[in-house]
Protein backbone atom coordinates (compact mmCIF):
# COMPACT_ATOMS: atom_id res chain seq x y z
CA MET A 1 31.94 -34.09 -2.69
CA THR A 2 29.77 -32.80 -5.32
CA VAL A 3 28.92 -29.05 -6.55
CA ILE A 4 26.49 -27.55 -8.73
CA THR A 5 29.73 -25.96 -10.97
CA ALA A 6 33.01 -27.13 -12.48
CA ILE A 7 35.72 -27.19 -9.60
CA PHE A 8 39.75 -27.00 -9.99
CA GLU A 9 42.19 -27.13 -7.20
CA GLY A 10 42.69 -24.35 -5.16
CA LEU A 11 45.05 -22.80 -2.85
CA ASN A 12 44.43 -25.27 0.27
CA PHE A 13 43.81 -28.13 -1.85
CA ASN A 14 47.04 -30.03 -0.42
CA GLU A 15 45.71 -29.67 3.16
CA ILE A 16 42.84 -32.15 2.31
CA THR A 17 43.17 -34.66 4.91
CA VAL A 18 41.70 -38.27 5.55
CA THR A 19 42.63 -39.47 9.02
CA ASP A 20 41.31 -42.60 11.12
CA SER A 21 39.27 -41.43 14.16
CA VAL A 22 40.93 -43.93 16.60
CA TYR A 23 44.53 -42.52 15.94
CA ASN A 24 43.97 -39.89 14.32
CA THR A 25 46.35 -41.45 11.39
CA PRO A 26 46.50 -39.96 8.02
CA VAL A 27 45.35 -42.51 5.46
CA GLU A 28 47.17 -42.33 1.79
CA TYR A 29 44.71 -41.26 -0.95
CA THR A 30 44.49 -40.41 -4.82
CA TYR A 31 41.83 -38.00 -6.25
CA ARG A 32 40.61 -36.92 -9.38
CA ILE A 33 38.37 -33.95 -10.40
CA ASP A 34 35.85 -34.59 -12.85
CA ALA A 35 33.78 -31.35 -14.10
CA ASN A 36 32.17 -30.82 -10.77
CA VAL A 37 32.74 -34.24 -8.35
CA LEU A 38 35.74 -34.49 -5.95
CA GLU A 39 36.43 -38.30 -5.77
CA ILE A 40 38.80 -39.09 -3.18
CA ALA A 41 39.92 -42.63 -3.13
CA PRO A 42 42.63 -44.33 -0.31
CA THR A 43 45.17 -46.16 -1.78
CA VAL A 44 45.26 -48.49 1.01
CA ASN A 45 42.82 -51.09 2.31
CA LEU A 46 40.35 -49.15 5.08
CA ASP A 47 40.31 -51.44 8.46
CA TYR A 48 36.67 -53.08 9.38
CA SER A 49 34.37 -51.02 12.12
CA THR A 50 36.61 -48.03 11.95
CA GLY A 51 35.64 -44.51 11.96
CA TYR A 52 36.98 -42.64 9.42
CA THR A 53 37.27 -38.10 8.94
CA VAL A 54 37.64 -36.47 5.59
CA HIS A 55 38.59 -32.48 5.97
CA ILE A 56 38.18 -30.69 2.91
CA PRO A 57 39.36 -27.15 4.24
CA ALA A 58 38.00 -23.66 3.18
CA ALA A 59 39.69 -22.71 -0.52
CA ALA A 60 40.80 -26.27 -1.31
CA VAL A 61 38.75 -25.93 -4.79
CA ASP A 62 38.22 -23.00 -7.11
CA ASP A 63 35.11 -22.64 -9.23
CA ARG A 64 35.73 -21.41 -12.76
CA SER A 65 35.26 -17.65 -11.89
CA GLY A 66 37.75 -18.40 -9.42
CA ASN A 67 35.76 -18.05 -6.32
CA ALA A 68 37.42 -20.29 -3.29
CA LEU A 69 35.29 -23.06 -1.16
CA ALA A 70 34.14 -20.50 1.46
CA ALA A 71 34.46 -22.72 4.37
CA GLU A 72 35.59 -26.22 5.36
CA CYS A 73 33.59 -29.21 4.90
CA ARG A 74 34.12 -32.21 7.44
CA PHE A 75 32.35 -35.42 7.17
CA SER A 76 32.93 -38.90 8.80
CA PHE A 77 31.86 -42.23 7.57
CA THR A 78 32.64 -45.63 9.47
CA THR A 79 33.12 -48.76 7.83
CA VAL A 80 31.45 -51.98 7.84
CA PHE A 81 32.09 -55.15 10.33
CA ASN A 82 34.00 -58.13 9.02
CA PRO A 83 32.16 -60.16 7.31
CA GLU A 84 34.78 -63.53 7.84
CA PRO A 85 33.77 -65.16 11.50
């Protein structure tokens, strides 16, 4: 997630989730905030051809003035198919 201004962990930061779309199973991840970028990286290999959803709740991050993220951010992606036959 990239925003215009520097961000910091907010009140609901620990409620950020990454889940698979088949079983709604949580995916463990690490994170890094670098100025205005929140980077979320899975700590395990993701399954091929599987959908995943990232949910960043409102108030998960704050800007340098203390303004919290006003609305949740939710997005999904699908991994590539297995390249090996």
